[in-house]
Amino acid sequence: MFTLLLGILIAIKRKKTESNGGNPMSFMEKDIVLTTEEATKYLKISKPTFLKYIRLGKIRAIKAGNGWRVHQSELYRFLKVSGDETSLKDGGKP
């Protein structure tokens, strides 16, 4: 009986690992959803600036009630892209 249960558990774990590219836990499972207030604190920008970036399509977010929800990975992507654009404008200088 114990051997059967252990076999089933191993098979389930193996199937989960195979279904997400070999990673036991995919990045999406760890991604945190932030509110407008949390996102502005994370980015260290004002709420109007955050809303402007959403309106311009620089940050992808979802309207939820009176506020917005955004994945932390999206903010990381935004910061990375913004940093890349800034370094290109400066001619690649730090």
C-alpha atoms as a PDB file:
ATOM      1  CA  MET A   1       0.000   0.000   0.000  1.00  0.00           C
ATOM      2  CA  PHE A   2       2.764   2.426   0.991  1.00  0.00           C
ATOM      3  CA  THR A   3       4.728   1.607  -2.165  1.00  0.00           C
ATOM      4  CA  LEU A   4       1.676   2.300  -4.314  1.00  0.00           C
ATOM      5  CA  LEU A   5       1.092   5.723  -2.700  1.00  0.00           C
ATOM      6  CA  LEU A   6       4.766   6.617  -3.017  1.00  0.00           C
ATOM      7  CA  GLY A   7       4.677   5.655  -6.703  1.00  0.00           C
ATOM      8  CA  ILE A   8       1.626   7.842  -7.294  1.00  0.00           C
ATOM      9  CA  LEU A   9       3.220  10.824  -5.543  1.00  0.00           C
ATOM     10  CA  ILE A  10       6.415  10.467  -7.583  1.00  0.00           C
ATOM     11  CA  ALA A  11       4.397  10.253 -10.806  1.00  0.00           C
ATOM     12  CA  ILE A  12       2.411  13.394  -9.915  1.00  0.00           C
ATOM     13  CA  LYS A  13       5.568  15.339  -9.074  1.00  0.00           C
ATOM     14  CA  ARG A  14       7.234  14.170 -12.291  1.00  0.00           C
ATOM     15  CA  LYS A  15       4.200  15.252 -14.340  1.00  0.00           C
ATOM     16  CA  LYS A  16       4.187  18.719 -12.714  1.00  0.00           C
ATOM     17  CA  THR A  17       7.906  19.111 -13.358  1.00  0.00           C
ATOM     18  CA  GLU A  18       7.562  18.085 -17.011  1.00  0.00           C
ATOM     19  CA  SER A  19       4.571  20.381 -17.607  1.00  0.00           C
ATOM     20  CA  ASN A  20       6.430  23.564 -16.640  1.00  0.00           C
ATOM     21  CA  GLY A  21       9.682  23.111 -18.496  1.00  0.00           C
ATOM     22  CA  GLY A  22      11.476  21.016 -15.917  1.00  0.00           C
ATOM     23  CA  ASN A  23      11.255  23.565 -13.109  1.00  0.00           C
ATOM     24  CA  PRO A  24       9.615  22.279  -9.923  1.00  0.00           C
ATOM     25  CA  MET A  25       7.943  25.694  -9.538  1.00  0.00           C
ATOM     26  CA  SER A  26       7.538  28.061 -12.459  1.00  0.00           C
ATOM     27  CA  PHE A  27       8.179  31.803 -12.219  1.00  0.00           C
ATOM     28  CA  MET A  28       4.492  32.573 -12.664  1.00  0.00           C
ATOM     29  CA  GLU A  29       3.644  30.689  -9.469  1.00  0.00           C
ATOM     30  CA  LYS A  30       5.963  32.994  -7.518  1.00  0.00           C
ATOM     31  CA  ASP A  31       4.835  36.245  -9.175  1.00  0.00           C
ATOM     32  CA  ILE A  32       3.217  38.676  -6.742  1.00  0.00           C
ATOM     33  CA  VAL A  33       0.276  40.908  -7.664  1.00  0.00           C
ATOM     34  CA  LEU A  34       0.668  44.464  -6.388  1.00  0.00           C
ATOM     35  CA  THR A  35      -1.871  47.244  -5.852  1.00  0.00           C
ATOM     36  CA  THR A  36      -1.404  50.771  -7.205  1.00  0.00           C
ATOM     37  CA  GLU A  37      -0.002  51.953  -3.866  1.00  0.00           C
ATOM     38  CA  GLU A  38       2.401  49.011  -3.582  1.00  0.00           C
ATOM     39  CA  ALA A  39       3.568  49.470  -7.179  1.00  0.00           C
ATOM     40  CA  THR A  40       4.248  53.191  -6.752  1.00  0.00           C
ATOM     41  CA  LYS A  41       6.279  52.490  -3.612  1.00  0.00           C
ATOM     42  CA  TYR A  42       8.197  49.725  -5.412  1.00  0.00           C
ATOM     43  CA  LEU A  43       9.000  52.024  -8.349  1.00  0.00           C
ATOM     44  CA  LYS A  44       9.442  55.123  -6.135  1.00  0.00           C
ATOM     45  CA  ILE A  45       7.206  57.211  -8.378  1.00  0.00           C
ATOM     46  CA  SER A  46       4.002  59.189  -7.834  1.00  0.00           C
ATOM     47  CA  LYS A  47       0.558  57.774  -8.491  1.00  0.00           C
ATOM     48  CA  PRO A  48      -0.088  60.155 -11.435  1.00  0.00           C
ATOM     49  CA  THR A  49       3.182  59.057 -13.061  1.00  0.00           C
ATOM     50  CA  PHE A  50       2.286  55.390 -12.548  1.00  0.00           C
ATOM     51  CA  LEU A  51      -1.141  55.944 -14.128  1.00  0.00           C
ATOM     52  CA  LYS A  52       0.466  57.807 -17.037  1.00  0.00           C
ATOM     53  CA  TYR A  53       2.800  54.866 -17.699  1.00  0.00           C
ATOM     54  CA  ILE A  54      -0.205  52.517 -17.714  1.00  0.00           C
ATOM     55  CA  ARG A  55      -2.097  54.820 -20.099  1.00  0.00           C
ATOM     56  CA  LEU A  56       0.931  55.022 -22.442  1.00  0.00           C
ATOM     57  CA  GLY A  57       1.290  51.230 -22.371  1.00  0.00           C
ATOM     58  CA  LYS A  58       4.721  51.302 -20.724  1.00  0.00           C
ATOM     59  CA  ILE A  59       3.355  49.259 -17.793  1.00  0.00           C
ATOM     60  CA  ARG A  60       0.816  46.474 -18.339  1.00  0.00           C
ATOM     61  CA  ALA A  61      -1.784  46.422 -15.575  1.00  0.00           C
ATOM     62  CA  ILE A  62      -5.357  45.305 -14.972  1.00  0.00           C
ATOM     63  CA  LYS A  63      -8.120  47.558 -13.695  1.00  0.00           C
ATOM     64  CA  ALA A  64      -9.611  46.124 -10.511  1.00  0.00           C
ATOM     65  CA  GLY A  65     -12.367  48.142  -8.853  1.00  0.00           C
ATOM     66  CA  ASN A  66     -11.108  51.669  -8.247  1.00  0.00           C
ATOM     67  CA  GLY A  67      -7.453  50.726  -8.576  1.00  0.00           C
ATOM     68  CA  TRP A  68      -5.013  48.809 -10.707  1.00  0.00           C
ATOM     69  CA  ARG A  69      -3.234  45.482 -10.234  1.00  0.00           C
ATOM     70  CA  VAL A  70       0.156  44.743 -11.694  1.00  0.00           C
ATOM     71  CA  HIS A  71       2.538  41.801 -11.455  1.00  0.00           C
ATOM     72  CA  GLN A  72       5.855  42.446  -9.772  1.00  0.00           C
ATOM     73  CA  SER A  73       7.582  40.813 -12.750  1.00  0.00           C
ATOM     74  CA  GLU A  74       5.974  43.466 -14.983  1.00  0.00           C
ATOM     75  CA  LEU A  75       7.498  46.219 -12.835  1.00  0.00           C
ATOM     76  CA  TYR A  76      10.862  44.478 -13.044  1.00  0.00           C
ATOM     77  CA  ARG A  77      10.496  44.321 -16.845  1.00  0.00           C
ATOM     78  CA  PHE A  78       9.540  48.012 -16.939  1.00  0.00           C
ATOM     79  CA  LEU A  79      12.589  48.989 -14.876  1.00  0.00           C
ATOM     80  CA  LYS A  80      14.873  46.878 -17.032  1.00  0.00           C
ATOM     81  CA  VAL A  81      13.513  48.324 -20.291  1.00  0.00           C
ATOM     82  CA  SER A  82      13.601  51.873 -18.891  1.00  0.00           C
ATOM     83  CA  GLY A  83      17.197  51.371 -17.802  1.00  0.00           C
ATOM     84  CA  ASP A  84      18.141  50.033 -21.226  1.00  0.00           C
ATOM     85  CA  GLU A  85      16.510  53.024 -22.952  1.00  0.00           C
ATOM     86  CA  THR A  86      18.310  55.467 -20.661  1.00  0.00           C
ATOM     87  CA  SER A  87      21.708  53.888 -21.328  1.00  0.00           C
ATOM     88  CA  LEU A  88      21.036  54.011 -25.092  1.00  0.00           C
ATOM     89  CA  LYS A  89      20.197  57.736 -24.902  1.00  0.00           C
ATOM     90  CA  ASP A  90      23.440  58.366 -23.016  1.00  0.00           C
ATOM     91  CA  GLY A  91      25.427  56.569 -25.687  1.00  0.00           C
ATOM     92  CA  GLY A  92      25.899  53.472 -23.569  1.00  0.00           C
ATOM     93  CA  LYS A  93      27.722  55.308 -20.792  1.00  0.00           C
ATOM     94  CA  PRO A  94      26.929  54.349 -17.175  1.00  0.00           C
END
